[in-house]
Amino acid sequence: SSKKGWTSEADLLGGLRTDEDALRTMLENPNVTILTYKESNH
């Protein structure tokens, strides 16, 4: 699916980029913000 875009790492790396636990840990850090971009709530 990543190969539809121009920024894919699929030819360099297999496996997952992240998982829900890692994202949760990131958000628990008070020095971290993950900004989201949503169009019509998507």
All heavy atoms as atom14 arrays in JSON, in Angstrom:
{
  "sequence": "SSKKGWTSEADLLGGLRTDEDALRTMLENPNVTILTYKESNH",
  "atom14_mask": [
    [1, 1, 1, 1, 1, 1, 0, 0, 0, 0, 0, 0, 0, 0],
    [1, 1, 1, 1, 1, 1, 0, 0, 0, 0, 0, 0, 0, 0],
    [1, 1, 1, 1, 1, 1, 1, 1, 1, 0, 0, 0, 0, 0],
    [1, 1, 1, 1, 1, 1, 1, 1, 1, 0, 0, 0, 0, 0],
    [1, 1, 1, 1, 0, 0, 0, 0, 0, 0, 0, 0, 0, 0],
    [1, 1, 1, 1, 1, 1, 1, 1, 1, 1, 1, 1, 1, 1],
    [1, 1, 1, 1, 1, 1, 1, 0, 0, 0, 0, 0, 0, 0],
    [1, 1, 1, 1, 1, 1, 0, 0, 0, 0, 0, 0, 0, 0],
    [1, 1, 1, 1, 1, 1, 1, 1, 1, 0, 0, 0, 0, 0],
    [1, 1, 1, 1, 1, 0, 0, 0, 0, 0, 0, 0, 0, 0],
    [1, 1, 1, 1, 1, 1, 1, 1, 0, 0, 0, 0, 0, 0],
    [1, 1, 1, 1, 1, 1, 1, 1, 0, 0, 0, 0, 0, 0],
    [1, 1, 1, 1, 1, 1, 1, 1, 0, 0, 0, 0, 0, 0],
    [1, 1, 1, 1, 0, 0, 0, 0, 0, 0, 0, 0, 0, 0],
    [1, 1, 1, 1, 0, 0, 0, 0, 0, 0, 0, 0, 0, 0],
    [1, 1, 1, 1, 1, 1, 1, 1, 0, 0, 0, 0, 0, 0],
    [1, 1, 1, 1, 1, 1, 1, 1, 1, 1, 1, 0, 0, 0],
    [1, 1, 1, 1, 1, 1, 1, 0, 0, 0, 0, 0, 0, 0],
    [1, 1, 1, 1, 1, 1, 1, 1, 0, 0, 0, 0, 0, 0],
    [1, 1, 1, 1, 1, 1, 1, 1, 1, 0, 0, 0, 0, 0],
    [1, 1, 1, 1, 1, 1, 1, 1, 0, 0, 0, 0, 0, 0],
    [1, 1, 1, 1, 1, 0, 0, 0, 0, 0, 0, 0, 0, 0],
    [1, 1, 1, 1, 1, 1, 1, 1, 0, 0, 0, 0, 0, 0],
    [1, 1, 1, 1, 1, 1, 1, 1, 1, 1, 1, 0, 0, 0],
    [1, 1, 1, 1, 1, 1, 1, 0, 0, 0, 0, 0, 0, 0],
    [1, 1, 1, 1, 1, 1, 1, 1, 0, 0, 0, 0, 0, 0],
    [1, 1, 1, 1, 1, 1, 1, 1, 0, 0, 0, 0, 0, 0],
    [1, 1, 1, 1, 1, 1, 1, 1, 1, 0, 0, 0, 0, 0],
    [1, 1, 1, 1, 1, 1, 1, 1, 0, 0, 0, 0, 0, 0],
    [1, 1, 1, 1, 1, 1, 1, 0, 0, 0, 0, 0, 0, 0],
    [1, 1, 1, 1, 1, 1, 1, 1, 0, 0, 0, 0, 0, 0],
    [1, 1, 1, 1, 1, 1, 1, 0, 0, 0, 0, 0, 0, 0],
    [1, 1, 1, 1, 1, 1, 1, 0, 0, 0, 0, 0, 0, 0],
    [1, 1, 1, 1, 1, 1, 1, 1, 0, 0, 0, 0, 0, 0],
    [1, 1, 1, 1, 1, 1, 1, 1, 0, 0, 0, 0, 0, 0],
    [1, 1, 1, 1, 1, 1, 1, 0, 0, 0, 0, 0, 0, 0],
    [1, 1, 1, 1, 1, 1, 1, 1, 1, 1, 1, 1, 0, 0],
    [1, 1, 1, 1, 1, 1, 1, 1, 1, 0, 0, 0, 0, 0],
    [1, 1, 1, 1, 1, 1, 1, 1, 1, 0, 0, 0, 0, 0],
    [1, 1, 1, 1, 1, 1, 0, 0, 0, 0, 0, 0, 0, 0],
    [1, 1, 1, 1, 1, 1, 1, 1, 0, 0, 0, 0, 0, 0],
    [1, 1, 1, 1, 1, 1, 1, 1, 1, 1, 0, 0, 0, 0]
  ],
  "atom14_positions": [
    [[0.83, -1.21, 0.0], [0.0, 0.0, 0.0], [0.86, 1.26, 0.0], [0.49, 2.28, -0.58], [-0.95, 0.01, 1.2], [-0.22, 0.04, 2.41], [0.0, 0.0, 0.0], [0.0, 0.0, 0.0], [0.0, 0.0, 0.0], [0.0, 0.0, 0.0], [0.0, 0.0, 0.0], [0.0, 0.0, 0.0], [0.0, 0.0, 0.0], [0.0, 0.0, 0.0]],
    [[2.03, 1.2, 0.63], [2.89, 2.38, 0.71], [3.48, 2.76, -0.64], [3.84, 3.91, -0.86], [4.02, 2.15, 1.72], [4.95, 1.21, 1.23], [0.0, 0.0, 0.0], [0.0, 0.0, 0.0], [0.0, 0.0, 0.0], [0.0, 0.0, 0.0], [0.0, 0.0, 0.0], [0.0, 0.0, 0.0], [0.0, 0.0, 0.0], [0.0, 0.0, 0.0]],
    [[3.54, 1.81, -1.56], [4.15, 2.08, -2.87], [3.28, 2.95, -3.76], [3.72, 3.42, -4.8], [4.5, 0.76, -3.55], [5.6, 0.01, -2.83], [5.95, -1.29, -3.51], [7.04, -2.02, -2.76], [7.39, -3.29, -3.4], [0.0, 0.0, 0.0], [0.0, 0.0, 0.0], [0.0, 0.0, 0.0], [0.0, 0.0, 0.0], [0.0, 0.0, 0.0]],
    [[2.05, 3.21, -3.33], [1.18, 4.14, -4.07], [1.68, 5.57, -3.93], [1.39, 6.42, -4.76], [-0.26, 4.06, -3.57], [-0.94, 2.75, -3.85], [-2.34, 2.76, -3.26], [-2.99, 1.4, -3.43], [-4.29, 1.35, -2.73], [0.0, 0.0, 0.0], [0.0, 0.0, 0.0], [0.0, 0.0, 0.0], [0.0, 0.0, 0.0], [0.0, 0.0, 0.0]],
    [[2.4, 5.84, -2.85], [2.94, 7.17, -2.6], [4.4, 7.22, -2.98], [5.0, 6.23, -3.38], [0.0, 0.0, 0.0], [0.0, 0.0, 0.0], [0.0, 0.0, 0.0], [0.0, 0.0, 0.0], [0.0, 0.0, 0.0], [0.0, 0.0, 0.0], [0.0, 0.0, 0.0], [0.0, 0.0, 0.0], [0.0, 0.0, 0.0], [0.0, 0.0, 0.0]],
    [[5.0, 8.4, -2.82], [6.41, 8.56, -3.19], [7.35, 8.45, -2.0], [8.57, 8.53, -2.17], [6.62, 9.89, -3.93], [6.39, 11.1, -3.1], [5.2, 11.76, -2.93], [7.34, 11.82, -2.32], [5.37, 12.82, -2.09], [6.68, 12.9, -1.7], [8.71, 11.66, -2.08], [7.32, 13.8, -0.87], [9.34, 12.56, -1.25], [8.66, 13.62, -0.65]],
    [[6.83, 8.24, -0.79], [7.7, 8.24, 0.38], [7.82, 6.86, 1.04], [8.18, 6.75, 2.19], [7.2, 9.24, 1.44], [5.9, 8.83, 1.86], [7.16, 10.64, 0.89], [0.0, 0.0, 0.0], [0.0, 0.0, 0.0], [0.0, 0.0, 0.0], [0.0, 0.0, 0.0], [0.0, 0.0, 0.0], [0.0, 0.0, 0.0], [0.0, 0.0, 0.0]],
    [[7.57, 5.82, 0.31], [7.58, 4.46, 0.86], [8.98, 4.03, 1.3], [9.98, 4.37, 0.69], [7.07, 3.48, -0.21], [7.21, 2.15, 0.22], [0.0, 0.0, 0.0], [0.0, 0.0, 0.0], [0.0, 0.0, 0.0], [0.0, 0.0, 0.0], [0.0, 0.0, 0.0], [0.0, 0.0, 0.0], [0.0, 0.0, 0.0], [0.0, 0.0, 0.0]],
    [[9.01, 3.26, 2.38], [10.25, 2.6, 2.83], [10.21, 1.11, 2.52], [11.08, 0.36, 2.94], [10.4, 2.75, 4.35], [10.6, 4.13, 4.85], [10.68, 4.2, 6.37], [10.29, 3.24, 7.06], [11.13, 5.25, 6.86], [0.0, 0.0, 0.0], [0.0, 0.0, 0.0], [0.0, 0.0, 0.0], [0.0, 0.0, 0.0], [0.0, 0.0, 0.0]],
    [[9.18, 0.67, 1.79], [8.93, -0.76, 1.59], [10.11, -1.49, 0.96], [10.31, -2.68, 1.23], [7.67, -0.97, 0.76], [0.0, 0.0, 0.0], [0.0, 0.0, 0.0], [0.0, 0.0, 0.0], [0.0, 0.0, 0.0], [0.0, 0.0, 0.0], [0.0, 0.0, 0.0], [0.0, 0.0, 0.0], [0.0, 0.0, 0.0], [0.0, 0.0, 0.0]],
    [[10.9, -0.84, 0.11], [12.04, -1.51, -0.51], [13.25, -1.56, 0.42], [14.21, -2.27, 0.14], [12.41, -0.81, -1.82], [11.32, -0.96, -2.87], [10.59, -1.96, -2.82], [11.2, -0.06, -3.72], [0.0, 0.0, 0.0], [0.0, 0.0, 0.0], [0.0, 0.0, 0.0], [0.0, 0.0, 0.0], [0.0, 0.0, 0.0], [0.0, 0.0, 0.0]],
    [[13.21, -0.8, 1.51], [14.33, -0.76, 2.46], [14.08, -1.56, 3.72], [15.01, -2.04, 4.35], [14.62, 0.7, 2.86], [14.98, 1.67, 1.74], [15.05, 3.09, 2.29], [16.29, 1.27, 1.1], [0.0, 0.0, 0.0], [0.0, 0.0, 0.0], [0.0, 0.0, 0.0], [0.0, 0.0, 0.0], [0.0, 0.0, 0.0], [0.0, 0.0, 0.0]],
    [[12.79, -1.67, 4.1], [12.43, -2.28, 5.38], [11.17, -3.1, 5.26], [10.2, -2.68, 4.62], [12.17, -1.19, 6.43], [13.36, -0.38, 6.9], [12.93, 1.0, 7.35], [14.06, -1.11, 8.01], [0.0, 0.0, 0.0], [0.0, 0.0, 0.0], [0.0, 0.0, 0.0], [0.0, 0.0, 0.0], [0.0, 0.0, 0.0], [0.0, 0.0, 0.0]],
    [[11.17, -4.24, 5.92], [9.95, -5.02, 6.08], [9.45, -4.84, 7.49], [10.01, -4.09, 8.29], [0.0, 0.0, 0.0], [0.0, 0.0, 0.0], [0.0, 0.0, 0.0], [0.0, 0.0, 0.0], [0.0, 0.0, 0.0], [0.0, 0.0, 0.0], [0.0, 0.0, 0.0], [0.0, 0.0, 0.0], [0.0, 0.0, 0.0], [0.0, 0.0, 0.0]],
    [[8.37, -5.53, 7.8], [7.81, -5.44, 9.15], [6.99, -4.19, 9.33], [6.68, -3.47, 8.38], [0.0, 0.0, 0.0], [0.0, 0.0, 0.0], [0.0, 0.0, 0.0], [0.0, 0.0, 0.0], [0.0, 0.0, 0.0], [0.0, 0.0, 0.0], [0.0, 0.0, 0.0], [0.0, 0.0, 0.0], [0.0, 0.0, 0.0], [0.0, 0.0, 0.0]],
    [[6.65, -3.9, 10.56], [5.82, -2.76, 10.88], [6.66, -1.52, 11.17], [7.8, -1.63, 11.62], [4.95, -3.05, 12.1], [3.93, -4.17, 11.95], [3.21, -4.42, 13.27], [2.92, -3.84, 10.85], [0.0, 0.0, 0.0], [0.0, 0.0, 0.0], [0.0, 0.0, 0.0], [0.0, 0.0, 0.0], [0.0, 0.0, 0.0], [0.0, 0.0, 0.0]],
    [[6.09, -0.34, 10.96], [6.75, 0.92, 11.3], [6.5, 1.27, 12.76], [7.32, 1.86, 13.44], [6.22, 2.02, 10.37], [6.64, 3.44, 10.71], [8.13, 3.64, 10.58], [8.52, 5.03, 10.68], [8.62, 5.71, 11.83], [8.32, 5.16, 12.96], [9.01, 6.97, 11.81], [0.0, 0.0, 0.0], [0.0, 0.0, 0.0], [0.0, 0.0, 0.0]],
    [[5.31, 0.91, 13.26], [4.95, 1.19, 14.65], [3.83, 0.24, 15.05], [3.39, -0.58, 14.25], [4.53, 2.67, 14.84], [4.5, 2.97, 16.23], [3.2, 2.98, 14.2], [0.0, 0.0, 0.0], [0.0, 0.0, 0.0], [0.0, 0.0, 0.0], [0.0, 0.0, 0.0], [0.0, 0.0, 0.0], [0.0, 0.0, 0.0], [0.0, 0.0, 0.0]],
    [[3.38, 0.34, 16.29], [2.21, -0.41, 16.74], [1.47, 0.44, 17.77], [1.94, 1.51, 18.17], [2.58, -1.79, 17.29], [3.51, -1.76, 18.49], [3.43, -0.79, 19.3], [4.31, -2.68, 18.65], [0.0, 0.0, 0.0], [0.0, 0.0, 0.0], [0.0, 0.0, 0.0], [0.0, 0.0, 0.0], [0.0, 0.0, 0.0], [0.0, 0.0, 0.0]],
    [[0.31, -0.02, 18.18], [-0.51, 0.78, 19.09], [0.17, 1.03, 20.43], [0.05, 2.12, 20.99], [-1.88, 0.12, 19.28], [-2.74, 0.22, 18.03], [-4.17, -0.25, 18.22], [-4.63, -0.32, 19.39], [-4.82, -0.55, 17.21], [0.0, 0.0, 0.0], [0.0, 0.0, 0.0], [0.0, 0.0, 0.0], [0.0, 0.0, 0.0], [0.0, 0.0, 0.0]],
    [[0.9, 0.04, 20.93], [1.59, 0.24, 22.22], [2.66, 1.33, 22.11], [2.79, 2.16, 23.02], [2.23, -1.07, 22.7], [1.2, -2.08, 23.17], [0.07, -1.68, 23.5], [1.54, -3.28, 23.2], [0.0, 0.0, 0.0], [0.0, 0.0, 0.0], [0.0, 0.0, 0.0], [0.0, 0.0, 0.0], [0.0, 0.0, 0.0], [0.0, 0.0, 0.0]],
    [[3.41, 1.33, 21.02], [4.45, 2.35, 20.83], [3.81, 3.74, 20.72], [4.31, 4.71, 21.31], [5.29, 2.04, 19.59], [0.0, 0.0, 0.0], [0.0, 0.0, 0.0], [0.0, 0.0, 0.0], [0.0, 0.0, 0.0], [0.0, 0.0, 0.0], [0.0, 0.0, 0.0], [0.0, 0.0, 0.0], [0.0, 0.0, 0.0], [0.0, 0.0, 0.0]],
    [[2.71, 3.82, 19.98], [2.02, 5.12, 19.85], [1.48, 5.59, 21.2], [1.59, 6.78, 21.54], [0.9, 5.01, 18.83], [1.36, 4.85, 17.38], [0.22, 4.37, 16.49], [1.95, 6.15, 16.84], [0.0, 0.0, 0.0], [0.0, 0.0, 0.0], [0.0, 0.0, 0.0], [0.0, 0.0, 0.0], [0.0, 0.0, 0.0], [0.0, 0.0, 0.0]],
    [[0.95, 4.68, 21.97], [0.43, 5.03, 23.3], [1.56, 5.55, 24.19], [1.41, 6.56, 24.88], [-0.25, 3.82, 23.93], [-1.05, 4.13, 25.19], [-1.92, 2.95, 25.62], [-3.03, 2.75, 24.67], [-3.07, 1.77, 23.74], [-2.11, 0.9, 23.64], [-4.1, 1.68, 22.93], [0.0, 0.0, 0.0], [0.0, 0.0, 0.0], [0.0, 0.0, 0.0]],
    [[2.7, 4.87, 24.15], [3.86, 5.3, 24.93], [4.31, 6.7, 24.5], [4.63, 7.54, 25.35], [5.01, 4.29, 24.78], [4.58, 3.03, 25.29], [6.26, 4.74, 25.52], [0.0, 0.0, 0.0], [0.0, 0.0, 0.0], [0.0, 0.0, 0.0], [0.0, 0.0, 0.0], [0.0, 0.0, 0.0], [0.0, 0.0, 0.0], [0.0, 0.0, 0.0]],
    [[4.31, 6.96, 23.18], [4.67, 8.29, 22.7], [3.75, 9.34, 23.29], [4.2, 10.37, 23.8], [4.57, 8.35, 21.16], [5.62, 7.57, 20.43], [5.27, 7.63, 18.64], [6.22, 6.22, 18.08], [0.0, 0.0, 0.0], [0.0, 0.0, 0.0], [0.0, 0.0, 0.0], [0.0, 0.0, 0.0], [0.0, 0.0, 0.0], [0.0, 0.0, 0.0]],
    [[2.45, 9.09, 23.24], [1.47, 10.07, 23.71], [1.5, 10.27, 25.22], [1.07, 11.31, 25.71], [0.06, 9.68, 23.27], [-0.24, 9.84, 21.78], [-1.64, 9.36, 21.45], [-0.05, 11.28, 21.33], [0.0, 0.0, 0.0], [0.0, 0.0, 0.0], [0.0, 0.0, 0.0], [0.0, 0.0, 0.0], [0.0, 0.0, 0.0], [0.0, 0.0, 0.0]],
    [[2.03, 9.3, 25.95], [2.14, 9.44, 27.41], [3.28, 10.36, 27.82], [3.33, 10.84, 28.95], [2.32, 8.06, 28.06], [1.06, 7.22, 28.0], [1.28, 5.77, 28.43], [2.44, 5.36, 28.66], [0.28, 5.04, 28.51], [0.0, 0.0, 0.0], [0.0, 0.0, 0.0], [0.0, 0.0, 0.0], [0.0, 0.0, 0.0], [0.0, 0.0, 0.0]],
    [[4.21, 10.62, 26.91], [5.35, 11.49, 27.2], [4.87, 12.95, 27.16], [4.38, 13.41, 26.13], [6.45, 11.26, 26.15], [7.69, 12.1, 26.4], [7.65, 13.14, 27.05], [8.8, 11.65, 25.84], [0.0, 0.0, 0.0], [0.0, 0.0, 0.0], [0.0, 0.0, 0.0], [0.0, 0.0, 0.0], [0.0, 0.0, 0.0], [0.0, 0.0, 0.0]],
    [[5.01, 13.7, 28.25], [4.52, 15.08, 28.27], [5.24, 16.01, 27.3], [4.74, 17.09, 27.0], [4.73, 15.52, 29.73], [5.77, 14.6, 30.26], [5.63, 13.3, 29.52], [0.0, 0.0, 0.0], [0.0, 0.0, 0.0], [0.0, 0.0, 0.0], [0.0, 0.0, 0.0], [0.0, 0.0, 0.0], [0.0, 0.0, 0.0], [0.0, 0.0, 0.0]],
    [[6.4, 15.61, 26.81], [7.15, 16.43, 25.85], [6.8, 16.13, 24.4], [7.38, 16.71, 23.49], [8.66, 16.24, 26.05], [9.1, 16.7, 27.41], [8.62, 17.71, 27.92], [10.0, 15.96, 28.03], [0.0, 0.0, 0.0], [0.0, 0.0, 0.0], [0.0, 0.0, 0.0], [0.0, 0.0, 0.0], [0.0, 0.0, 0.0], [0.0, 0.0, 0.0]],
    [[5.87, 15.2, 24.2], [5.52, 14.74, 22.84], [4.12, 15.2, 22.46], [3.18, 15.13, 23.26], [5.61, 13.2, 22.75], [5.0, 12.68, 21.45], [7.06, 12.75, 22.86], [0.0, 0.0, 0.0], [0.0, 0.0, 0.0], [0.0, 0.0, 0.0], [0.0, 0.0, 0.0], [0.0, 0.0, 0.0], [0.0, 0.0, 0.0], [0.0, 0.0, 0.0]],
    [[4.01, 15.64, 21.21], [2.73, 15.89, 20.58], [2.75, 15.18, 19.24], [3.74, 15.27, 18.51], [2.51, 17.4, 20.33], [2.55, 18.09, 21.58], [1.18, 17.66, 19.64], [0.0, 0.0, 0.0], [0.0, 0.0, 0.0], [0.0, 0.0, 0.0], [0.0, 0.0, 0.0], [0.0, 0.0, 0.0], [0.0, 0.0, 0.0], [0.0, 0.0, 0.0]],
    [[1.7, 14.47, 18.92], [1.51, 13.96, 17.57], [0.38, 14.76, 16.98], [-0.76, 14.69, 17.45], [1.19, 12.45, 17.55], [2.35, 11.65, 18.15], [0.92, 11.99, 16.11], [2.09, 10.14, 18.26], [0.0, 0.0, 0.0], [0.0, 0.0, 0.0], [0.0, 0.0, 0.0], [0.0, 0.0, 0.0], [0.0, 0.0, 0.0], [0.0, 0.0, 0.0]],
    [[0.72, 15.59, 15.99], [-0.31, 16.36, 15.31], [-0.99, 15.47, 14.27], [-0.32, 14.72, 13.56], [0.29, 17.58, 14.61], [0.83, 18.69, 15.49], [1.43, 19.79, 14.62], [-0.26, 19.26, 16.4], [0.0, 0.0, 0.0], [0.0, 0.0, 0.0], [0.0, 0.0, 0.0], [0.0, 0.0, 0.0], [0.0, 0.0, 0.0], [0.0, 0.0, 0.0]],
    [[-2.3, 15.58, 14.18], [-3.06, 14.84, 13.17], [-3.65, 15.82, 12.17], [-4.01, 16.95, 12.51], [-4.2, 14.01, 13.79], [-5.11, 14.89, 14.45], [-3.66, 12.98, 14.77], [0.0, 0.0, 0.0], [0.0, 0.0, 0.0], [0.0, 0.0, 0.0], [0.0, 0.0, 0.0], [0.0, 0.0, 0.0], [0.0, 0.0, 0.0], [0.0, 0.0, 0.0]],
    [[-3.73, 15.38, 10.92], [-4.36, 16.15, 9.86], [-5.59, 15.37, 9.42], [-5.48, 14.23, 8.96], [-3.39, 16.31, 8.68], [-3.97, 17.06, 7.5], [-3.64, 18.39, 7.28], [-4.83, 16.44, 6.61], [-4.17, 19.08, 6.2], [-5.36, 17.13, 5.53], [-5.02, 18.44, 5.33], [-5.54, 19.14, 4.26], [0.0, 0.0, 0.0], [0.0, 0.0, 0.0]],
    [[-6.76, 15.98, 9.6], [-8.0, 15.32, 9.24], [-8.78, 16.19, 8.26], [-8.88, 17.41, 8.45], [-8.85, 15.04, 10.48], [-8.2, 14.06, 11.43], [-9.07, 13.79, 12.65], [-8.37, 12.81, 13.59], [-9.19, 12.53, 14.78], [0.0, 0.0, 0.0], [0.0, 0.0, 0.0], [0.0, 0.0, 0.0], [0.0, 0.0, 0.0], [0.0, 0.0, 0.0]],
    [[-9.33, 15.56, 7.25], [-10.26, 16.2, 6.33], [-11.6, 15.52, 6.53], [-11.7, 14.29, 6.4], [-9.81, 16.02, 4.88], [-8.74, 16.98, 4.45], [-8.41, 16.87, 2.96], [-9.18, 16.26, 2.18], [-7.36, 17.4, 2.59], [0.0, 0.0, 0.0], [0.0, 0.0, 0.0], [0.0, 0.0, 0.0], [0.0, 0.0, 0.0], [0.0, 0.0, 0.0]],
    [[-12.6, 16.32, 6.84], [-13.95, 15.79, 7.09], [-13.89, 14.61, 8.06], [-14.49, 13.56, 7.83], [-14.63, 15.41, 5.79], [-14.73, 16.53, 4.94], [0.0, 0.0, 0.0], [0.0, 0.0, 0.0], [0.0, 0.0, 0.0], [0.0, 0.0, 0.0], [0.0, 0.0, 0.0], [0.0, 0.0, 0.0], [0.0, 0.0, 0.0], [0.0, 0.0, 0.0]],
    [[-13.08, 14.77, 9.1], [-12.93, 13.78, 10.17], [-12.24, 12.49, 9.73], [-12.3, 11.48, 10.42], [-14.27, 13.48, 10.83], [-14.15, 13.5, 12.34], [-13.21, 14.07, 12.89], [-15.1, 12.87, 13.01], [0.0, 0.0, 0.0], [0.0, 0.0, 0.0], [0.0, 0.0, 0.0], [0.0, 0.0, 0.0], [0.0, 0.0, 0.0], [0.0, 0.0, 0.0]],
    [[-11.59, 12.5, 8.57], [-10.85, 11.33, 8.08], [-9.35, 11.61, 8.21], [-8.85, 12.6, 7.66], [-11.23, 11.04, 6.62], [-10.53, 9.86, 6.04], [-10.77, 8.57, 6.45], [-9.57, 9.79, 5.09], [-10.0, 7.75, 5.77], [-9.26, 8.45, 4.94], [0.0, 0.0, 0.0], [0.0, 0.0, 0.0], [0.0, 0.0, 0.0], [0.0, 0.0, 0.0]]
  ]
}
